[in-house]
């Protein structure tokens, strides 16, 4: 008769990983396309003033 198989216990998760990931996240900036559009509008305004 074979001995019963051992159940594998999963490794415990590192509790510091979630905290570190939250700290790393900063404020979201505007996308590059929005910044380009803003620059384009400002340039048009400056050229119109002259």
Protein backbone atom coordinates (compact mmCIF):
# COMPACT_ATOMS: atom_id res chain seq x y z
CA UNK A 1 0.00 0.00 0.00
CA UNK A 2 1.28 3.47 -0.95
CA UNK A 3 1.60 6.23 1.64
CA UNK A 4 -0.86 9.13 1.17
CA UNK A 5 0.38 12.08 -0.86
CA UNK A 6 1.39 15.18 1.05
CA UNK A 7 -0.62 18.31 0.35
CA UNK A 8 1.54 21.16 -0.86
CA UNK A 9 1.17 24.30 1.21
CA UNK A 10 1.62 27.48 -0.87
CA UNK A 11 4.36 29.87 0.12
CA UNK A 12 3.09 32.79 2.18
CA UNK A 13 2.90 36.09 0.33
CA UNK A 14 5.29 38.85 1.24
CA UNK A 15 3.15 41.55 2.95
CA UNK A 16 5.68 44.27 2.13
CA UNK A 17 5.32 43.91 -1.64
CA UNK A 18 1.82 45.43 -1.75
CA UNK A 19 2.92 48.36 0.42
CA UNK A 20 5.97 49.00 -1.74
CA UNK A 21 3.88 48.91 -4.92
CA UNK A 22 1.46 51.46 -3.48
CA UNK A 23 4.30 53.78 -2.48
CA UNK A 24 5.88 53.59 -5.91
CA UNK A 25 2.71 54.78 -7.63
CA UNK A 26 2.67 58.53 -8.00
CA UNK A 27 0.20 61.05 -9.34
CA UNK A 28 -0.86 60.44 -12.89
CA UNK A 29 0.18 63.01 -15.45
CA UNK A 30 -1.55 64.05 -18.62
CA UNK A 31 -0.90 61.89 -21.68
CA UNK A 32 1.69 63.08 -24.18
CA UNK A 33 -1.00 63.78 -26.78
CA UNK A 34 -2.82 66.15 -24.41
CA UNK A 35 0.44 67.98 -23.72
CA UNK A 36 1.13 68.32 -27.46
CA UNK A 37 -2.33 69.75 -28.05
CA UNK A 38 -1.87 72.23 -25.22
CA UNK A 39 1.51 73.32 -26.60
CA UNK A 40 -0.01 73.72 -30.06
CA UNK A 41 -2.84 75.91 -28.72
CA UNK A 42 -0.40 78.07 -26.76
CA UNK A 43 1.80 78.50 -29.82
CA UNK A 44 -1.17 79.57 -31.93
CA UNK A 45 -2.16 82.12 -29.26
CA UNK A 46 1.38 83.55 -29.14
CA UNK A 47 1.55 83.81 -32.91
CA UNK A 48 -1.86 85.48 -33.04
CA UNK A 49 -0.73 88.10 -30.50
CA UNK A 50 2.19 89.24 -32.67
